[in-house]
Structures are given as structure tokens and as C-alpha cells.
Amino acid sequence: MECVGSGSPAVVLEAGFGADTLSWRDVQPEVGRGTRTCAYDRAGTGNSVAPPGLRDARDEIADLR
């Protein structure tokens, strides 16, 4: 997870289609001027290790927390 800026509410950026945090490299600094902005790699993408087995939305939420 990579965060910039400060303030509330925090904005969480999650890339789709197998992309990673680098997808947000142009957007994140701009959004971070107004509030805390964090980009992260979901499990199995970018720098995150893929866990074994099937995963569902509950698993993704637990990872983000």
C-alpha cells in the first residue's frame, strides 16, 4: 500500500483487470492534494502475493482492513 496526502475522508485506489498501484501514478498525487489517498495491490497483483484457494469479496475486504 502506498499513501500520499492527509485529511479525511481517505480515498482508496484499487486497479482493475490485473493492474497494480502503478496504474494510479498520475492520479494519486493530484487526489492526494486534497485528502489522504492510498493505492494498493490486491492479493495476487503487483507486489502482493497470491494466497492459495478461492477468494470472495469478504477476503478482499479483510485484506484491505
C-alpha atoms as a PDB file:
ATOM      1  CA  MET A   1       0.000   0.000   0.000  1.00  0.00           C
ATOM      2  CA  GLU A   2       1.251   3.438  -0.918  1.00  0.00           C
ATOM      3  CA  CYS A   3      -0.330   6.558   0.609  1.00  0.00           C
ATOM      4  CA  VAL A   4       0.070  10.290  -0.027  1.00  0.00           C
ATOM      5  CA  GLY A   5      -1.575  13.386   1.384  1.00  0.00           C
ATOM      6  CA  SER A   6      -3.584  13.849   4.536  1.00  0.00           C
ATOM      7  CA  GLY A   7      -7.127  14.544   5.553  1.00  0.00           C
ATOM      8  CA  SER A   8     -10.483  12.888   5.564  1.00  0.00           C
ATOM      9  CA  PRO A   9     -12.129  11.022   4.040  1.00  0.00           C
ATOM     10  CA  ALA A  10      -9.374   8.744   2.810  1.00  0.00           C
ATOM     11  CA  VAL A  11      -9.608   7.638  -0.810  1.00  0.00           C
ATOM     12  CA  VAL A  12      -8.553   4.071  -1.648  1.00  0.00           C
ATOM     13  CA  LEU A  13      -7.445   3.399  -5.226  1.00  0.00           C
ATOM     14  CA  GLU A  14      -7.652  -0.168  -6.495  1.00  0.00           C
ATOM     15  CA  ALA A  15      -6.657  -1.006 -10.057  1.00  0.00           C
ATOM     16  CA  GLY A  16      -8.731  -3.484 -12.028  1.00  0.00           C
ATOM     17  CA  PHE A  17      -8.027  -6.041 -14.747  1.00  0.00           C
ATOM     18  CA  GLY A  18      -4.853  -7.314 -13.068  1.00  0.00           C
ATOM     19  CA  ALA A  19      -3.201  -3.877 -12.987  1.00  0.00           C
ATOM     20  CA  ASP A  20      -1.251  -2.621  -9.963  1.00  0.00           C
ATOM     21  CA  THR A  21      -0.607   0.579  -7.992  1.00  0.00           C
ATOM     22  CA  LEU A  22       1.469   1.996 -10.846  1.00  0.00           C
ATOM     23  CA  SER A  23      -1.790   2.488 -12.747  1.00  0.00           C
ATOM     24  CA  TRP A  24      -2.538   5.362 -10.373  1.00  0.00           C
ATOM     25  CA  ARG A  25       0.853   7.115 -10.597  1.00  0.00           C
ATOM     26  CA  ASP A  26      -0.573  10.156 -12.394  1.00  0.00           C
ATOM     27  CA  VAL A  27      -3.867  10.348 -10.495  1.00  0.00           C
ATOM     28  CA  GLN A  28      -2.817   9.653  -6.908  1.00  0.00           C
ATOM     29  CA  PRO A  29      -0.647  12.770  -6.368  1.00  0.00           C
ATOM     30  CA  GLU A  30      -3.438  15.008  -7.671  1.00  0.00           C
ATOM     31  CA  VAL A  31      -6.114  13.470  -5.436  1.00  0.00           C
ATOM     32  CA  GLY A  32      -3.615  13.483  -2.555  1.00  0.00           C
ATOM     33  CA  ARG A  33      -3.500  17.283  -2.665  1.00  0.00           C
ATOM     34  CA  GLY A  34      -6.944  17.336  -1.073  1.00  0.00           C
ATOM     35  CA  THR A  35      -7.104  14.235   1.122  1.00  0.00           C
ATOM     36  CA  ARG A  36      -5.240  11.090   2.161  1.00  0.00           C
ATOM     37  CA  THR A  37      -5.069   8.822  -0.880  1.00  0.00           C
ATOM     38  CA  CYS A  38      -3.881   5.221  -0.806  1.00  0.00           C
ATOM     39  CA  ALA A  39      -3.270   2.821  -3.684  1.00  0.00           C
ATOM     40  CA  TYR A  40      -2.809  -0.857  -3.006  1.00  0.00           C
ATOM     41  CA  ASP A  41      -2.255  -4.116  -4.847  1.00  0.00           C
ATOM     42  CA  ARG A  42      -4.953  -6.714  -4.282  1.00  0.00           C
ATOM     43  CA  ALA A  43      -3.765 -10.193  -3.387  1.00  0.00           C
ATOM     44  CA  GLY A  44      -2.096 -11.743  -6.421  1.00  0.00           C
ATOM     45  CA  THR A  45      -1.470  -8.471  -8.279  1.00  0.00           C
ATOM     46  CA  GLY A  46       1.588  -6.220  -8.390  1.00  0.00           C
ATOM     47  CA  ASN A  47       3.736  -6.759  -5.297  1.00  0.00           C
ATOM     48  CA  SER A  48       1.112  -8.744  -3.376  1.00  0.00           C
ATOM     49  CA  VAL A  49       1.442 -12.483  -3.025  1.00  0.00           C
ATOM     50  CA  ALA A  50      -1.425 -14.614  -4.310  1.00  0.00           C
ATOM     51  CA  PRO A  51      -2.972 -16.650  -1.485  1.00  0.00           C
ATOM     52  CA  PRO A  52      -3.980 -20.256  -2.100  1.00  0.00           C
ATOM     53  CA  GLY A  53      -7.569 -21.265  -2.831  1.00  0.00           C
ATOM     54  CA  LEU A  54     -10.644 -19.419  -3.953  1.00  0.00           C
ATOM     55  CA  ARG A  55     -11.372 -15.925  -2.677  1.00  0.00           C
ATOM     56  CA  ASP A  56     -14.516 -13.853  -2.425  1.00  0.00           C
ATOM     57  CA  ALA A  57     -15.411 -10.260  -1.581  1.00  0.00           C
ATOM     58  CA  ARG A  58     -15.121 -10.950   2.164  1.00  0.00           C
ATOM     59  CA  ASP A  59     -11.496 -11.992   1.658  1.00  0.00           C
ATOM     60  CA  GLU A  60     -10.756  -8.818  -0.312  1.00  0.00           C
ATOM     61  CA  ILE A  61     -12.334  -6.655   2.405  1.00  0.00           C
ATOM     62  CA  ALA A  62     -10.333  -8.427   5.112  1.00  0.00           C
ATOM     63  CA  ASP A  63      -7.114  -7.830   3.140  1.00  0.00           C
ATOM     64  CA  LEU A  64      -7.868  -4.139   2.775  1.00  0.00           C
ATOM     65  CA  ARG A  65      -8.530  -3.746   6.503  1.00  0.00           C
END
